[in-house]
Amino acid sequence: MAKTSASRGDARLNSLARGIEGAQAELLARRMQYLAALDESEIKHWPEIIRVARAADIGKETLCRELSCAWSTVLRWEAGHTVPGPNARRGIKARLMELLQARAMSLAPEKARARLGASVATTG
């Protein structure tokens, strides 16, 4: 009897964990759609582009390494004090999209691929 109750509890926990992973993947897919919709050539959108990346849990070290810049630079971009040059903005946004896609794949690979395909189809 106790074993059956424990296995039901484990199944419930596994179901809850899968639900959380699915919700995280869905939220990340929405952030990707939002990021794709933001026009990086518009200086006013640049702080939001950085905020979206940070909200998706792309860490400080990863941002600095992948964007080849100092943390203080990222903070200035996010605060709207400075922005990268026009050509750099395009490349940085593309790299942020790649980082978000990689993160989506690591959260829930099969669900993320399906959502990612839908996300790219609706924004690209």
PDB file of N, CA and C in Angstrom:
ATOM      1  N   MET A   1       0.817  -1.181   0.000  1.00  0.00           N
ATOM      2  CA  MET A   1       0.000   0.000   0.000  1.00  0.00           C
ATOM      3  C   MET A   1       0.870   1.257   0.000  1.00  0.00           C
ATOM      4  N   ALA A   2       1.874   1.281   0.861  1.00  0.00           N
ATOM      5  CA  ALA A   2       2.757   2.445   0.933  1.00  0.00           C
ATOM      6  C   ALA A   2       3.545   2.601  -0.352  1.00  0.00           C
ATOM      7  N   LYS A   3       3.902   1.468  -0.961  1.00  0.00           N
ATOM      8  CA  LYS A   3       4.667   1.520  -2.206  1.00  0.00           C
ATOM      9  C   LYS A   3       3.826   2.138  -3.325  1.00  0.00           C
ATOM     10  N   THR A   4       2.562   1.791  -3.411  1.00  0.00           N
ATOM     11  CA  THR A   4       1.665   2.341  -4.417  1.00  0.00           C
ATOM     12  C   THR A   4       1.496   3.845  -4.212  1.00  0.00           C
ATOM     13  N   SER A   5       1.348   4.249  -2.987  1.00  0.00           N
ATOM     14  CA  SER A   5       1.208   5.669  -2.673  1.00  0.00           C
ATOM     15  C   SER A   5       2.473   6.434  -3.044  1.00  0.00           C
ATOM     16  N   ALA A   6       3.614   5.844  -2.755  1.00  0.00           N
ATOM     17  CA  ALA A   6       4.888   6.493  -3.093  1.00  0.00           C
ATOM     18  C   ALA A   6       5.067   6.598  -4.602  1.00  0.00           C
ATOM     19  N   SER A   7       4.708   5.550  -5.337  1.00  0.00           N
ATOM     20  CA  SER A   7       4.864   5.603  -6.791  1.00  0.00           C
ATOM     21  C   SER A   7       3.893   6.614  -7.405  1.00  0.00           C
ATOM     22  N   ARG A   8       2.688   6.764  -6.820  1.00  0.00           N
ATOM     23  CA  ARG A   8       1.766   7.794  -7.293  1.00  0.00           C
ATOM     24  C   ARG A   8       2.334   9.182  -7.023  1.00  0.00           C
ATOM     25  N   GLY A   9       2.954   9.327  -5.859  1.00  0.00           N
ATOM     26  CA  GLY A   9       3.590  10.606  -5.524  1.00  0.00           C
ATOM     27  C   GLY A   9       4.727  10.925  -6.477  1.00  0.00           C
ATOM     28  N   ASP A  10       5.531   9.917  -6.811  1.00  0.00           N
ATOM     29  CA  ASP A  10       6.625  10.121  -7.758  1.00  0.00           C
ATOM     30  C   ASP A  10       6.096  10.481  -9.139  1.00  0.00           C
ATOM     31  N   ALA A  11       5.043   9.813  -9.548  1.00  0.00           N
ATOM     32  CA  ALA A  11       4.454  10.106 -10.857  1.00  0.00           C
ATOM     33  C   ALA A  11       3.921  11.529 -10.893  1.00  0.00           C
ATOM     34  N   ARG A  12       3.311  11.960  -9.789  1.00  0.00           N
ATOM     35  CA  ARG A  12       2.790  13.332  -9.720  1.00  0.00           C
ATOM     36  C   ARG A  12       3.924  14.350  -9.785  1.00  0.00           C
ATOM     37  N   LEU A  13       5.013  14.069  -9.056  1.00  0.00           N
ATOM     38  CA  LEU A  13       6.170  14.963  -9.091  1.00  0.00           C
ATOM     39  C   LEU A  13       6.775  15.028 -10.493  1.00  0.00           C
ATOM     40  N   ASN A  14       6.879  13.883 -11.143  1.00  0.00           N
ATOM     41  CA  ASN A  14       7.410  13.853 -12.514  1.00  0.00           C
ATOM     42  C   ASN A  14       6.512  14.641 -13.456  1.00  0.00           C
ATOM     43  N   SER A  15       5.214  14.504 -13.277  1.00  0.00           N
ATOM     44  CA  SER A  15       4.275  15.243 -14.113  1.00  0.00           C
ATOM     45  C   SER A  15       4.407  16.749 -13.888  1.00  0.00           C
ATOM     46  N   LEU A  16       4.539  17.157 -12.630  1.00  0.00           N
ATOM     47  CA  LEU A  16       4.716  18.577 -12.321  1.00  0.00           C
ATOM     48  C   LEU A  16       6.018  19.106 -12.919  1.00  0.00           C
ATOM     49  N   ALA A  17       7.084  18.323 -12.812  1.00  0.00           N
ATOM     50  CA  ALA A  17       8.381  18.739 -13.369  1.00  0.00           C
ATOM     51  C   ALA A  17       8.281  18.904 -14.883  1.00  0.00           C
ATOM     52  N   ARG A  18       7.613  17.967 -15.563  1.00  0.00           N
ATOM     53  CA  ARG A  18       7.433  18.083 -17.019  1.00  0.00           C
ATOM     54  C   ARG A  18       6.607  19.320 -17.366  1.00  0.00           C
ATOM     55  N   GLY A  19       5.611  19.616 -16.536  1.00  0.00           N
ATOM     56  CA  GLY A  19       4.791  20.801 -16.761  1.00  0.00           C
ATOM     57  C   GLY A  19       5.601  22.082 -16.633  1.00  0.00           C
ATOM     58  N   ILE A  20       6.484  22.120 -15.643  1.00  0.00           N
ATOM     59  CA  ILE A  20       7.352  23.285 -15.466  1.00  0.00           C
ATOM     60  C   ILE A  20       8.282  23.434 -16.654  1.00  0.00           C
ATOM     61  N   GLU A  21       8.885  22.332 -17.083  1.00  0.00           N
ATOM     62  CA  GLU A  21       9.776  22.389 -18.248  1.00  0.00           C
ATOM     63  C   GLU A  21       9.031  22.866 -19.483  1.00  0.00           C
ATOM     64  N   GLY A  22       7.816  22.389 -19.652  1.00  0.00           N
ATOM     65  CA  GLY A  22       7.012  22.820 -20.794  1.00  0.00           C
ATOM     66  C   GLY A  22       6.683  24.304 -20.722  1.00  0.00           C
ATOM     67  N   ALA A  23       6.352  24.775 -19.531  1.00  0.00           N
ATOM     68  CA  ALA A  23       6.035  26.201 -19.350  1.00  0.00           C
ATOM     69  C   ALA A  23       7.271  27.058 -19.605  1.00  0.00           C
ATOM     70  N   GLN A  24       8.437  26.585 -19.143  1.00  0.00           N
ATOM     71  CA  GLN A  24       9.673  27.324 -19.389  1.00  0.00           C
ATOM     72  C   GLN A  24       9.975  27.380 -20.885  1.00  0.00           C
ATOM     73  N   ALA A  25       9.780  26.273 -21.562  1.00  0.00           N
ATOM     74  CA  ALA A  25      10.023  26.245 -23.004  1.00  0.00           C
ATOM     75  C   ALA A  25       9.052  27.170 -23.732  1.00  0.00           C
ATOM     76  N   GLU A  26       7.795  27.188 -23.296  1.00  0.00           N
ATOM     77  CA  GLU A  26       6.797  28.070 -23.908  1.00  0.00           C
ATOM     78  C   GLU A  26       7.152  29.540 -23.683  1.00  0.00           C
ATOM     79  N   LEU A  27       7.549  29.886 -22.468  1.00  0.00           N
ATOM     80  CA  LEU A  27       7.939  31.257 -22.162  1.00  0.00           C
ATOM     81  C   LEU A  27       9.153  31.668 -22.987  1.00  0.00           C
ATOM     82  N   LEU A  28      10.097  30.775 -23.118  1.00  0.00           N
ATOM     83  CA  LEU A  28      11.283  31.071 -23.915  1.00  0.00           C
ATOM     84  C   LEU A  28      10.927  31.260 -25.386  1.00  0.00           C
ATOM     85  N   ALA A  29      10.011  30.442 -25.893  1.00  0.00           N
ATOM     86  CA  ALA A  29       9.558  30.595 -27.281  1.00  0.00           C
ATOM     87  C   ALA A  29       8.906  31.965 -27.488  1.00  0.00           C
ATOM     88  N   ARG A  30       8.129  32.407 -26.510  1.00  0.00           N
ATOM     89  CA  ARG A  30       7.490  33.730 -26.602  1.00  0.00           C
ATOM     90  C   ARG A  30       8.535  34.847 -26.540  1.00  0.00           C
ATOM     91  N   ARG A  31       9.535  34.668 -25.697  1.00  0.00           N
ATOM     92  CA  ARG A  31      10.608  35.669 -25.637  1.00  0.00           C
ATOM     93  C   ARG A  31      11.351  35.734 -26.970  1.00  0.00           C
ATOM     94  N   MET A  32      11.545  34.587 -27.591  1.00  0.00           N
ATOM     95  CA  MET A  32      12.211  34.570 -28.892  1.00  0.00           C
ATOM     96  C   MET A  32      11.376  35.288 -29.944  1.00  0.00           C
ATOM     97  N   GLN A  33      10.071  35.070 -29.924  1.00  0.00           N
ATOM     98  CA  GLN A  33       9.196  35.765 -30.868  1.00  0.00           C
ATOM     99  C   GLN A  33       9.259  37.270 -30.641  1.00  0.00           C
ATOM    100  N   TYR A  34       9.244  37.668 -29.388  1.00  0.00           N
ATOM    101  CA  TYR A  34       9.298  39.084 -29.043  1.00  0.00           C
ATOM    102  C   TYR A  34      10.631  39.685 -29.483  1.00  0.00           C
ATOM    103  N   LEU A  35      11.715  38.987 -29.201  1.00  0.00           N
ATOM    104  CA  LEU A  35      13.032  39.462 -29.607  1.00  0.00           C
ATOM    105  C   LEU A  35      13.120  39.594 -31.122  1.00  0.00           C
ATOM    106  N   ALA A  36      12.603  38.614 -31.829  1.00  0.00           N
ATOM    107  CA  ALA A  36      12.630  38.657 -33.292  1.00  0.00           C
ATOM    108  C   ALA A  36      11.828  39.851 -33.818  1.00  0.00           C
ATOM    109  N   ALA A  37      10.764  40.210 -33.115  1.00  0.00           N
ATOM    110  CA  ALA A  37       9.914  41.312 -33.571  1.00  0.00           C
ATOM    111  C   ALA A  37      10.525  42.687 -33.286  1.00  0.00           C
ATOM    112  N   LEU A  38      11.432  42.762 -32.324  1.00  0.00           N
ATOM    113  CA  LEU A  38      12.055  44.054 -32.007  1.00  0.00           C
ATOM    114  C   LEU A  38      13.039  44.431 -33.110  1.00  0.00           C
ATOM    115  N   ASP A  39      12.941  45.642 -33.589  1.00  0.00           N
ATOM    116  CA  ASP A  39      13.802  46.136 -34.669  1.00  0.00           C
ATOM    117  C   ASP A  39      15.094  46.686 -34.078  1.00  0.00           C
ATOM    118  N   GLU A  40      16.183  45.949 -34.274  1.00  0.00           N
ATOM    119  CA  GLU A  40      17.467  46.355 -33.690  1.00  0.00           C
ATOM    120  C   GLU A  40      18.012  47.650 -34.291  1.00  0.00           C
ATOM    121  N   SER A  41      17.513  48.048 -35.451  1.00  0.00           N
ATOM    122  CA  SER A  41      17.978  49.311 -36.032  1.00  0.00           C
ATOM    123  C   SER A  41      17.381  50.515 -35.295  1.00  0.00           C
ATOM    124  N   GLU A  42      16.313  50.282 -34.558  1.00  0.00           N
ATOM    125  CA  GLU A  42      15.700  51.338 -33.744  1.00  0.00           C
ATOM    126  C   GLU A  42      16.430  51.404 -32.401  1.00  0.00           C
ATOM    127  N   ILE A  43      17.114  52.489 -32.161  1.00  0.00           N
ATOM    128  CA  ILE A  43      17.896  52.639 -30.937  1.00  0.00           C
ATOM    129  C   ILE A  43      17.014  52.476 -29.696  1.00  0.00           C
ATOM    130  N   LYS A  44      15.786  52.927 -29.765  1.00  0.00           N
ATOM    131  CA  LYS A  44      14.893  52.849 -28.604  1.00  0.00           C
ATOM    132  C   LYS A  44      14.582  51.408 -28.203  1.00  0.00           C
ATOM    133  N   HIS A  45      14.749  50.439 -29.107  1.00  0.00           N
ATOM    134  CA  HIS A  45      14.472  49.033 -28.802  1.00  0.00           C
ATOM    135  C   HIS A  45      15.660  48.333 -28.165  1.00  0.00           C
ATOM    136  N   TRP A  46      16.826  48.928 -28.254  1.00  0.00           N
ATOM    137  CA  TRP A  46      18.024  48.211 -27.826  1.00  0.00           C
ATOM    138  C   TRP A  46      18.002  47.819 -26.343  1.00  0.00           C
ATOM    139  N   PRO A  47      17.615  48.683 -25.416  1.00  0.00           N
ATOM    140  CA  PRO A  47      17.561  48.241 -24.011  1.00  0.00           C
ATOM    141  C   PRO A  47      16.634  47.034 -23.817  1.00  0.00           C
ATOM    142  N   GLU A  48      15.513  47.014 -24.527  1.00  0.00           N
ATOM    143  CA  GLU A  48      14.576  45.902 -24.399  1.00  0.00           C
ATOM    144  C   GLU A  48      15.165  44.611 -24.960  1.00  0.00           C
ATOM    145  N   ILE A  49      15.929  44.699 -26.022  1.00  0.00           N
ATOM    146  CA  ILE A  49      16.591  43.524 -26.591  1.00  0.00           C
ATOM    147  C   ILE A  49      17.492  42.884 -25.543  1.00  0.00           C
ATOM    148  N   ILE A  50      18.256  43.705 -24.845  1.00  0.00           N
ATOM    149  CA  ILE A  50      19.145  43.185 -23.803  1.00  0.00           C
ATOM    150  C   ILE A  50      18.328  42.637 -22.635  1.00  0.00           C
ATOM    151  N   ARG A  51      17.265  43.310 -22.231  1.00  0.00           N
ATOM    152  CA  ARG A  51      16.420  42.836 -21.125  1.00  0.00           C
ATOM    153  C   ARG A  51      15.802  41.473 -21.438  1.00  0.00           C
ATOM    154  N   VAL A  52      15.388  41.281 -22.679  1.00  0.00           N
ATOM    155  CA  VAL A  52      14.800  39.990 -23.068  1.00  0.00           C
ATOM    156  C   VAL A  52      15.834  38.880 -22.910  1.00  0.00           C
ATOM    157  N   ALA A  53      17.039  39.130 -23.351  1.00  0.00           N
ATOM    158  CA  ALA A  53      18.100  38.123 -23.232  1.00  0.00           C
ATOM    159  C   ALA A  53      18.387  37.811 -21.762  1.00  0.00           C
ATOM    160  N   ARG A  54      18.460  38.833 -20.945  1.00  0.00           N
ATOM    161  CA  ARG A  54      18.740  38.618 -19.522  1.00  0.00           C
ATOM    162  C   ARG A  54      17.581  37.909 -18.834  1.00  0.00           C
ATOM    163  N   ALA A  55      16.341  38.238 -19.231  1.00  0.00           N
ATOM    164  CA  ALA A  55      15.166  37.584 -18.644  1.00  0.00           C
ATOM    165  C   ALA A  55      15.125  36.106 -18.986  1.00  0.00           C
ATOM    166  N   ALA A  56      15.759  35.728 -20.078  1.00  0.00           N
ATOM    167  CA  ALA A  56      15.804  34.324 -20.498  1.00  0.00           C
ATOM    168  C   ALA A  56      16.933  33.566 -19.801  1.00  0.00           C
ATOM    169  N   ASP A  57      17.502  34.181 -18.776  1.00  0.00           N
ATOM    170  CA  ASP A  57      18.555  33.558 -17.969  1.00  0.00           C
ATOM    171  C   ASP A  57      19.851  33.309 -18.735  1.00  0.00           C
ATOM    172  N   ILE A  58      20.134  34.167 -19.686  1.00  0.00           N
ATOM    173  CA  ILE A  58      21.461  34.115 -20.291  1.00  0.00           C
ATOM    174  C   ILE A  58      22.356  34.872 -19.318  1.00  0.00           C
ATOM    175  N   GLY A  59      23.287  34.173 -18.740  1.00  0.00           N
ATOM    176  CA  GLY A  59      24.096  34.710 -17.656  1.00  0.00           C
ATOM    177  C   GLY A  59      25.085  35.776 -18.082  1.00  0.00           C
ATOM    178  N   LYS A  60      25.551  36.476 -17.073  1.00  0.00           N
ATOM    179  CA  LYS A  60      26.510  37.564 -17.254  1.00  0.00           C
ATOM    180  C   LYS A  60      27.750  37.096 -18.016  1.00  0.00           C
ATOM    181  N   GLU A  61      28.330  35.999 -17.566  1.00  0.00           N
ATOM    182  CA  GLU A  61      29.554  35.502 -18.206  1.00  0.00           C
ATOM    183  C   GLU A  61      29.303  35.115 -19.652  1.00  0.00           C
ATOM    184  N   THR A  62      28.159  34.481 -19.896  1.00  0.00           N
ATOM    185  CA  THR A  62      27.827  34.067 -21.260  1.00  0.00           C
ATOM    186  C   THR A  62      27.636  35.276 -22.163  1.00  0.00           C
ATOM    187  N   LEU A  63      26.890  36.258 -21.689  1.00  0.00           N
ATOM    188  CA  LEU A  63      26.684  37.470 -22.501  1.00  0.00           C
ATOM    189  C   LEU A  63      28.023  38.128 -22.831  1.00  0.00           C
ATOM    190  N   CYS A  64      28.864  38.307 -21.838  1.00  0.00           N
ATOM    191  CA  CYS A  64      30.151  38.976 -22.073  1.00  0.00           C
ATOM    192  C   CYS A  64      31.021  38.182 -23.048  1.00  0.00           C
ATOM    193  N   ARG A  65      31.078  36.872 -22.843  1.00  0.00           N
ATOM    194  CA  ARG A  65      31.899  36.028 -23.717  1.00  0.00           C
ATOM    195  C   ARG A  65      31.354  36.018 -25.145  1.00  0.00           C
ATOM    196  N   GLU A  66      30.057  35.793 -25.275  1.00  0.00           N
ATOM    197  CA  GLU A  66      29.461  35.649 -26.611  1.00  0.00           C
ATOM    198  C   GLU A  66      29.380  36.966 -27.374  1.00  0.00           C
ATOM    199  N   LEU A  67      29.287  38.072 -26.651  1.00  0.00           N
ATOM    200  CA  LEU A  67      29.194  39.376 -27.309  1.00  0.00           C
ATOM    201  C   LEU A  67      30.533  40.102 -27.333  1.00  0.00           C
ATOM    202  N   SER A  68      31.555  39.479 -26.766  1.00  0.00           N
ATOM    203  CA  SER A  68      32.916  40.044 -26.736  1.00  0.00           C
ATOM    204  C   SER A  68      32.934  41.462 -26.186  1.00  0.00           C
ATOM    205  N   CYS A  69      32.342  41.610 -25.009  1.00  0.00           N
ATOM    206  CA  CYS A  69      32.313  42.933 -24.382  1.00  0.00           C
ATOM    207  C   CYS A  69      32.342  42.785 -22.867  1.00  0.00           C
ATOM    208  N   ALA A  70      32.554  43.891 -22.200  1.00  0.00           N
ATOM    209  CA  ALA A  70      32.569  43.913 -20.742  1.00  0.00           C
ATOM    210  C   ALA A  70      31.144  43.980 -20.206  1.00  0.00           C
ATOM    211  N   TRP A  71      30.967  43.541 -18.967  1.00  0.00           N
ATOM    212  CA  TRP A  71      29.668  43.579 -18.326  1.00  0.00           C
ATOM    213  C   TRP A  71      29.151  45.013 -18.226  1.00  0.00           C
ATOM    214  N   SER A  72      30.039  45.942 -17.981  1.00  0.00           N
ATOM    215  CA  SER A  72      29.623  47.345 -17.888  1.00  0.00           C
ATOM    216  C   SER A  72      29.024  47.829 -19.210  1.00  0.00           C
ATOM    217  N   THR A  73      29.520  47.299 -20.313  1.00  0.00           N
ATOM    218  CA  THR A  73      28.967  47.655 -21.622  1.00  0.00           C
ATOM    219  C   THR A  73      27.536  47.137 -21.754  1.00  0.00           C
ATOM    220  N   VAL A  74      27.316  45.886 -21.354  1.00  0.00           N
ATOM    221  CA  VAL A  74      25.972  45.308 -21.406  1.00  0.00           C
ATOM    222  C   VAL A  74      25.018  46.127 -20.536  1.00  0.00           C
ATOM    223  N   LEU A  75      25.477  46.505 -19.352  1.00  0.00           N
ATOM    224  CA  LEU A  75      24.633  47.302 -18.458  1.00  0.00           C
ATOM    225  C   LEU A  75      24.305  48.670 -19.066  1.00  0.00           C
ATOM    226  N   ARG A  76      25.261  49.278 -19.734  1.00  0.00           N
ATOM    227  CA  ARG A  76      24.992  50.577 -20.393  1.00  0.00           C
ATOM    228  C   ARG A  76      23.990  50.408 -21.528  1.00  0.00           C
ATOM    229  N   TRP A  77      24.085  49.304 -22.275  1.00  0.00           N
ATOM    230  CA  TRP A  77      23.114  49.042 -23.333  1.00  0.00           C
ATOM    231  C   TRP A  77      21.718  48.874 -22.729  1.00  0.00           C
ATOM    232  N   GLU A  78      21.658  48.084 -21.664  1.00  0.00           N
ATOM    233  CA  GLU A  78      20.366  47.810 -21.037  1.00  0.00           C
ATOM    234  C   GLU A  78      19.749  49.084 -20.452  1.00  0.00           C
ATOM    235  N   ALA A  79      20.580  49.957 -19.928  1.00  0.00           N
ATOM    236  CA  ALA A  79      20.096  51.212 -19.356  1.00  0.00           C
ATOM    237  C   ALA A  79      19.768  52.247 -20.425  1.00  0.00           C
ATOM    238  N   GLY A  80      20.171  51.989 -21.667  1.00  0.00           N
ATOM    239  CA  GLY A  80      19.901  52.929 -22.747  1.00  0.00           C
ATOM    240  C   GLY A  80      20.891  54.071 -22.823  1.00  0.00           C
ATOM    241  N   HIS A  81      22.015  53.947 -22.111  1.00  0.00           N
ATOM    242  CA  HIS A  81      23.029  55.007 -22.143  1.00  0.00           C
ATOM    243  C   HIS A  81      23.839  54.979 -23.436  1.00  0.00           C
ATOM    244  N   THR A  82      24.085  53.781 -23.942  1.00  0.00           N
ATOM    245  CA  THR A  82      24.810  53.623 -25.202  1.00  0.00           C
ATOM    246  C   THR A  82      24.171  52.478 -25.978  1.00  0.00           C
ATOM    247  N   VAL A  83      24.495  52.390 -27.245  1.00  0.00           N
ATOM    248  CA  VAL A  83      24.074  51.260 -28.079  1.00  0.00           C
ATOM    249  C   VAL A  83      25.245  50.893 -28.983  1.00  0.00           C
ATOM    250  N   PRO A  84      25.312  49.646 -29.400  1.00  0.00           N
ATOM    251  CA  PRO A  84      26.349  49.273 -30.366  1.00  0.00           C
ATOM    252  C   PRO A  84      26.085  49.963 -31.706  1.00  0.00           C
ATOM    253  N   GLY A  85      27.059  49.966 -32.562  1.00  0.00           N
ATOM    254  CA  GLY A  85      26.883  50.521 -33.898  1.00  0.00           C
ATOM    255  C   GLY A  85      25.859  49.720 -34.692  1.00  0.00           C
ATOM    256  N   PRO A  86      25.372  50.290 -35.797  1.00  0.00           N
ATOM    257  CA  PRO A  86      24.306  49.639 -36.586  1.00  0.00           C
ATOM    258  C   PRO A  86      24.639  48.221 -37.053  1.00  0.00           C
ATOM    259  N   ASN A  87      25.842  48.023 -37.570  1.00  0.00           N
ATOM    260  CA  ASN A  87      26.207  46.678 -38.035  1.00  0.00           C
ATOM    261  C   ASN A  87      26.350  45.711 -36.875  1.00  0.00           C
ATOM    262  N   ALA A  88      26.906  46.188 -35.770  1.00  0.00           N
ATOM    263  CA  ALA A  88      27.073  45.338 -34.597  1.00  0.00           C
ATOM    264  C   ALA A  88      25.717  44.939 -34.019  1.00  0.00           C
ATOM    265  N   ARG A  89      24.760  45.855 -34.019  1.00  0.00           N
ATOM    266  CA  ARG A  89      23.431  45.541 -33.466  1.00  0.00           C
ATOM    267  C   ARG A  89      22.807  44.341 -34.173  1.00  0.00           C
ATOM    268  N   ARG A  90      22.920  44.320 -35.470  1.00  0.00           N
ATOM    269  CA  ARG A  90      22.349  43.203 -36.244  1.00  0.00           C
ATOM    270  C   ARG A  90      23.000  41.878 -35.836  1.00  0.00           C
ATOM    271  N   GLY A  91      24.331  41.887 -35.762  1.00  0.00           N
ATOM    272  CA  GLY A  91      25.055  40.671 -35.393  1.00  0.00           C
ATOM    273  C   GLY A  91      24.797  40.245 -33.957  1.00  0.00           C
ATOM    274  N   ILE A  92      24.719  41.208 -33.046  1.00  0.00           N
ATOM    275  CA  ILE A  92      24.474  40.888 -31.646  1.00  0.00           C
ATOM    276  C   ILE A  92      23.074  40.302 -31.465  1.00  0.00           C
ATOM    277  N   LYS A  93      22.097  40.890 -32.129  1.00  0.00           N
ATOM    278  CA  LYS A  93      20.740  40.351 -32.015  1.00  0.00           C
ATOM    279  C   LYS A  93      20.684  38.931 -32.570  1.00  0.00           C
ATOM    280  N   ALA A  94      21.356  38.693 -33.682  1.00  0.00           N
ATOM    281  CA  ALA A  94      21.385  37.342 -34.264  1.00  0.00           C
ATOM    282  C   ALA A  94      22.029  36.357 -33.286  1.00  0.00           C
ATOM    283  N   ARG A  95      23.106  36.776 -32.627  1.00  0.00           N
ATOM    284  CA  ARG A  95      23.775  35.897 -31.664  1.00  0.00           C
ATOM    285  C   ARG A  95      22.877  35.643 -30.454  1.00  0.00           C
ATOM    286  N   LEU A  96      22.167  36.660 -29.994  1.00  0.00           N
ATOM    287  CA  LEU A  96      21.234  36.468 -28.881  1.00  0.00           C
ATOM    288  C   LEU A  96      20.145  35.470 -29.261  1.00  0.00           C
ATOM    289  N   MET A  97      19.655  35.553 -30.485  1.00  0.00           N
ATOM    290  CA  MET A  97      18.643  34.584 -30.943  1.00  0.00           C
ATOM    291  C   MET A  97      19.207  33.168 -30.922  1.00  0.00           C
ATOM    292  N   GLU A  98      20.465  33.016 -31.359  1.00  0.00           N
ATOM    293  CA  GLU A  98      21.107  31.694 -31.331  1.00  0.00           C
ATOM    294  C   GLU A  98      21.229  31.173 -29.904  1.00  0.00           C
ATOM    295  N   LEU A  99      21.596  32.045 -28.981  1.00  0.00           N
ATOM    296  CA  LEU A  99      21.715  31.645 -27.575  1.00  0.00           C
ATOM    297  C   LEU A  99      20.359  31.224 -27.004  1.00  0.00           C
ATOM    298  N   LEU A 100      19.314  31.961 -27.355  1.00  0.00           N
ATOM    299  CA  LEU A 100      17.976  31.595 -26.884  1.00  0.00           C
ATOM    300  C   LEU A 100      17.525  30.271 -27.493  1.00  0.00           C
ATOM    301  N   GLN A 101      17.853  30.049 -28.759  1.00  0.00           N
ATOM    302  CA  GLN A 101      17.497  28.778 -29.398  1.00  0.00           C
ATOM    303  C   GLN A 101      18.205  27.618 -28.713  1.00  0.00           C
ATOM    304  N   ALA A 102      19.486  27.793 -28.403  1.00  0.00           N
ATOM    305  CA  ALA A 102      20.239  26.741 -27.719  1.00  0.00           C
ATOM    306  C   ALA A 102      19.637  26.475 -26.342  1.00  0.00           C
ATOM    307  N   ARG A 103      19.253  27.532 -25.657  1.00  0.00           N
ATOM    308  CA  ARG A 103      18.627  27.376 -24.332  1.00  0.00           C
ATOM    309  C   ARG A 103      17.300  26.640 -24.448  1.00  0.00           C
ATOM    310  N   ALA A 104      16.523  26.968 -25.469  1.00  0.00           N
ATOM    311  CA  ALA A 104      15.232  26.292 -25.679  1.00  0.00           C
ATOM    312  C   ALA A 104      15.447  24.801 -25.914  1.00  0.00           C
ATOM    313  N   MET A 105      16.451  24.453 -26.673  1.00  0.00           N
ATOM    314  CA  MET A 105      16.735  23.046 -26.952  1.00  0.00           C
ATOM    315  C   MET A 105      17.136  22.303 -25.687  1.00  0.00           C
ATOM    316  N   SER A 106      17.828  22.977 -24.784  1.00  0.00           N
ATOM    317  CA  SER A 106      18.272  22.311 -23.566  1.00  0.00           C
ATOM    318  C   SER A 106      17.146  22.140 -22.551  1.00  0.00           C
ATOM    319  N   LEU A 107      16.107  22.972 -22.623  1.00  0.00           N
ATOM    320  CA  LEU A 107      15.002  22.872 -21.666  1.00  0.00           C
ATOM    321  C   LEU A 107      14.116  21.667 -21.924  1.00  0.00           C
ATOM    322  N   ALA A 108      13.602  21.567 -23.104  1.00  0.00           N
ATOM    323  CA  ALA A 108      12.698  20.482 -23.470  1.00  0.00           C
ATOM    324  C   ALA A 108      12.880  20.224 -24.950  1.00  0.00           C
ATOM    325  N   PRO A 109      13.865  19.416 -25.311  1.00  0.00           N
ATOM    326  CA  PRO A 109      14.248  19.284 -26.721  1.00  0.00           C
ATOM    327  C   PRO A 109      13.114  19.056 -27.710  1.00  0.00           C
ATOM    328  N   GLU A 110      12.248  18.089 -27.486  1.00  0.00           N
ATOM    329  CA  GLU A 110      11.220  17.806 -28.493  1.00  0.00           C
ATOM    330  C   GLU A 110      10.167  18.909 -28.549  1.00  0.00           C
ATOM    331  N   LYS A 111       9.748  19.420 -27.409  1.00  0.00           N
ATOM    332  CA  LYS A 111       8.762  20.499 -27.398  1.00  0.00           C
ATOM    333  C   LYS A 111       9.377  21.791 -27.911  1.00  0.00           C
ATOM    334  N   ALA A 112      10.627  22.031 -27.546  1.00  0.00           N
ATOM    335  CA  ALA A 112      11.288  23.267 -27.970  1.00  0.00           C
ATOM    336  C   ALA A 112      11.456  23.292 -29.484  1.00  0.00           C
ATOM    337  N   ARG A 113      11.799  22.163 -30.068  1.00  0.00           N
ATOM    338  CA  ARG A 113      11.968  22.129 -31.520  1.00  0.00           C
ATOM    339  C   ARG A 113      10.663  22.468 -32.218  1.00  0.00           C
ATOM    340  N   ALA A 114       9.571  21.923 -31.727  1.00  0.00           N
ATOM    341  CA  ALA A 114       8.265  22.208 -32.329  1.00  0.00           C
ATOM    342  C   ALA A 114       7.917  23.696 -32.171  1.00  0.00           C
ATOM    343  N   ARG A 115       8.118  24.225 -30.975  1.00  0.00           N
ATOM    344  CA  ARG A 115       7.812  25.640 -30.733  1.00  0.00           C
ATOM    345  C   ARG A 115       8.758  26.539 -31.508  1.00  0.00           C
ATOM    346  N   LEU A 116      10.022  26.127 -31.568  1.00  0.00           N
ATOM    347  CA  LEU A 116      11.022  26.915 -32.278  1.00  0.00           C
ATOM    348  C   LEU A 116      10.657  26.989 -33.753  1.00  0.00           C
ATOM    349  N   GLY A 117      10.233  25.884 -34.329  1.00  0.00           N
ATOM    350  CA  GLY A 117       9.826  25.890 -35.727  1.00  0.00           C
ATOM    351  C   GLY A 117       8.660  26.832 -35.950  1.00  0.00           C
ATOM    352  N   ALA A 118       7.688  26.799 -35.043  1.00  0.00           N
ATOM    353  CA  ALA A 118       6.531  27.691 -35.153  1.00  0.00           C
ATOM    354  C   ALA A 118       6.965  29.144 -34.952  1.00  0.00           C
ATOM    355  N   SER A 119       7.889  29.367 -34.001  1.00  0.00           N
ATOM    356  CA  SER A 119       8.353  30.725 -33.716  1.00  0.00           C
ATOM    357  C   SER A 119       9.066  31.311 -34.911  1.00  0.00           C
ATOM    358  N   VAL A 120       9.945  30.550 -35.515  1.00  0.00           N
ATOM    359  CA  VAL A 120      10.696  31.037 -36.669  1.00  0.00           C
ATOM    360  C   VAL A 120       9.770  31.251 -37.862  1.00  0.00           C
ATOM    361  N   ALA A 121       8.786  30.364 -38.022  1.00  0.00           N
ATOM    362  CA  ALA A 121       7.851  30.490 -39.142  1.00  0.00           C
ATOM    363  C   ALA A 121       6.997  31.750 -39.022  1.00  0.00           C
ATOM    364  N   THR A 122       6.636  32.128 -37.804  1.00  0.00           N
ATOM    365  CA  THR A 122       5.765  33.288 -37.644  1.00  0.00           C
ATOM    366  C   THR A 122       6.544  34.601 -37.654  1.00  0.00           C
ATOM    367  N   THR A 123       7.852  34.539 -37.398  1.00  0.00           N
ATOM    368  CA  THR A 123       8.634  35.784 -37.354  1.00  0.00           C
ATOM    369  C   THR A 123       9.555  35.938 -38.535  1.00  0.00           C
ATOM    370  N   GLY A 124       9.880  34.883 -39.207  1.00  0.00           N
ATOM    371  CA  GLY A 124      10.861  34.957 -40.280  1.00  0.00           C
ATOM    372  C   GLY A 124      10.241  35.066 -41.578  1.00  0.00           C
TER     373      GLY A 124
END
